[in-house]
Amino acid sequence: MGFRVFGVAIGAPRATEADSALQAPCDNLRPIEDLTDVHAAADLFRVI
């Protein structure tokens, strides 16, 4: 259908494992531990 699904796992490092429920529907799943980390936030916006 021409769309992509991006996911953000906040504070849940296991959510990005291969067998997680979020991994299956997402084309790109990014983990982030600290929303105040400017480098992590920049990485999120770079891929969108």
N, C-alpha and C. Protein backbone atom coordinates (compact mmCIF):
# COMPACT_ATOMS: atom_id res chain seq x y z
N MET A 1 0.81 -1.18 0.00
CA MET A 1 0.00 0.00 0.00
C MET A 1 0.86 1.26 0.00
N GLY A 2 2.16 1.12 0.07
CA GLY A 2 3.05 2.27 -0.02
C GLY A 2 3.26 3.05 1.26
N PHE A 3 3.14 2.42 2.41
CA PHE A 3 3.42 3.13 3.66
C PHE A 3 4.43 2.35 4.49
N ARG A 4 5.06 3.05 5.41
CA ARG A 4 6.03 2.43 6.31
C ARG A 4 5.60 2.72 7.74
N VAL A 5 5.96 1.82 8.63
CA VAL A 5 5.61 1.97 10.04
C VAL A 5 6.89 2.13 10.84
N PHE A 6 6.98 3.24 11.57
CA PHE A 6 8.09 3.50 12.46
C PHE A 6 7.63 3.28 13.89
N GLY A 7 8.48 2.68 14.70
CA GLY A 7 8.15 2.46 16.10
C GLY A 7 9.22 3.03 17.00
N VAL A 8 8.82 3.48 18.17
CA VAL A 8 9.75 4.00 19.17
C VAL A 8 9.47 3.26 20.47
N ALA A 9 10.45 2.56 20.96
CA ALA A 9 10.33 1.84 22.22
C ALA A 9 11.02 2.68 23.30
N ILE A 10 10.24 3.32 24.14
CA ILE A 10 10.78 4.21 25.16
C ILE A 10 10.97 3.45 26.46
N GLY A 11 12.22 3.34 26.87
CA GLY A 11 12.54 2.69 28.13
C GLY A 11 12.26 1.19 28.15
N ALA A 12 12.19 0.57 27.00
CA ALA A 12 11.91 -0.87 26.94
C ALA A 12 12.88 -1.54 25.97
N PRO A 13 14.11 -1.80 26.39
CA PRO A 13 15.11 -2.36 25.48
C PRO A 13 14.74 -3.73 24.90
N ARG A 14 13.94 -4.52 25.63
CA ARG A 14 13.55 -5.84 25.12
C ARG A 14 12.54 -5.73 23.98
N ALA A 15 11.91 -4.59 23.81
CA ALA A 15 10.91 -4.41 22.76
C ALA A 15 11.52 -4.47 21.37
N THR A 16 12.82 -4.29 21.26
CA THR A 16 13.48 -4.31 19.96
C THR A 16 14.06 -5.67 19.60
N GLU A 17 13.86 -6.66 20.45
CA GLU A 17 14.34 -8.00 20.14
C GLU A 17 13.54 -8.61 18.99
N ALA A 18 14.12 -9.57 18.32
CA ALA A 18 13.53 -10.14 17.10
C ALA A 18 12.14 -10.74 17.33
N ASP A 19 11.87 -11.28 18.50
CA ASP A 19 10.58 -11.92 18.74
C ASP A 19 9.56 -11.03 19.45
N SER A 20 9.83 -9.73 19.53
CA SER A 20 8.90 -8.84 20.23
C SER A 20 7.67 -8.53 19.39
N ALA A 21 6.61 -8.13 20.05
CA ALA A 21 5.36 -7.80 19.36
C ALA A 21 5.49 -6.54 18.53
N LEU A 22 6.38 -5.64 18.89
CA LEU A 22 6.56 -4.40 18.13
C LEU A 22 7.41 -4.61 16.88
N GLN A 23 8.29 -5.56 16.91
CA GLN A 23 9.21 -5.77 15.79
C GLN A 23 8.47 -6.20 14.51
N ALA A 24 7.45 -7.01 14.63
CA ALA A 24 6.76 -7.54 13.46
C ALA A 24 6.08 -6.47 12.60
N PRO A 25 5.30 -5.55 13.17
CA PRO A 25 4.61 -4.58 12.31
C PRO A 25 5.45 -3.37 11.91
N CYS A 26 6.62 -3.20 12.52
CA CYS A 26 7.42 -2.00 12.27
C CYS A 26 8.49 -2.24 11.22
N ASP A 27 8.61 -1.30 10.30
CA ASP A 27 9.71 -1.33 9.35
C ASP A 27 11.00 -0.85 10.00
N ASN A 28 10.85 0.06 10.94
CA ASN A 28 11.99 0.64 11.62
C ASN A 28 11.61 0.86 13.08
N LEU A 29 12.23 0.13 13.98
CA LEU A 29 11.94 0.23 15.40
C LEU A 29 13.17 0.73 16.12
N ARG A 30 13.03 1.85 16.81
CA ARG A 30 14.16 2.47 17.51
C ARG A 30 13.94 2.45 19.01
N PRO A 31 14.94 2.00 19.76
CA PRO A 31 14.84 2.09 21.22
C PRO A 31 15.39 3.44 21.70
N ILE A 32 14.83 3.98 22.74
CA ILE A 32 15.36 5.18 23.36
C ILE A 32 15.15 5.06 24.85
N GLU A 33 16.21 5.31 25.59
CA GLU A 33 16.15 5.19 27.04
C GLU A 33 15.85 6.54 27.70
N ASP A 34 16.40 7.61 27.16
CA ASP A 34 16.31 8.92 27.80
C ASP A 34 15.87 9.95 26.77
N LEU A 35 14.68 10.48 26.92
CA LEU A 35 14.16 11.46 25.96
C LEU A 35 14.87 12.80 26.02
N THR A 36 15.66 13.02 27.07
CA THR A 36 16.41 14.27 27.16
C THR A 36 17.77 14.18 26.46
N ASP A 37 18.13 13.01 25.99
CA ASP A 37 19.39 12.81 25.26
C ASP A 37 19.22 13.37 23.85
N VAL A 38 19.90 14.47 23.56
CA VAL A 38 19.71 15.14 22.27
C VAL A 38 20.19 14.29 21.10
N HIS A 39 21.19 13.45 21.31
CA HIS A 39 21.69 12.60 20.23
C HIS A 39 20.68 11.50 19.88
N ALA A 40 20.05 10.94 20.88
CA ALA A 40 19.03 9.92 20.64
C ALA A 40 17.82 10.53 19.95
N ALA A 41 17.41 11.70 20.38
CA ALA A 41 16.27 12.38 19.75
C ALA A 41 16.60 12.76 18.30
N ALA A 42 17.80 13.21 18.06
CA ALA A 42 18.21 13.56 16.69
C ALA A 42 18.19 12.33 15.80
N ASP A 43 18.58 11.17 16.32
CA ASP A 43 18.55 9.94 15.55
C ASP A 43 17.12 9.58 15.16
N LEU A 44 16.17 9.79 16.04
CA LEU A 44 14.77 9.50 15.73
C LEU A 44 14.28 10.35 14.55
N PHE A 45 14.59 11.62 14.57
CA PHE A 45 14.11 12.52 13.52
C PHE A 45 14.89 12.37 12.22
N ARG A 46 16.09 11.86 12.30
CA ARG A 46 16.90 11.67 11.11
C ARG A 46 16.31 10.58 10.21
N VAL A 47 15.71 9.56 10.79
CA VAL A 47 15.19 8.44 9.99
C VAL A 47 13.77 8.67 9.47
N ILE A 48 13.09 9.66 10.01
CA ILE A 48 11.72 9.92 9.58
C ILE A 48 11.70 10.64 8.24
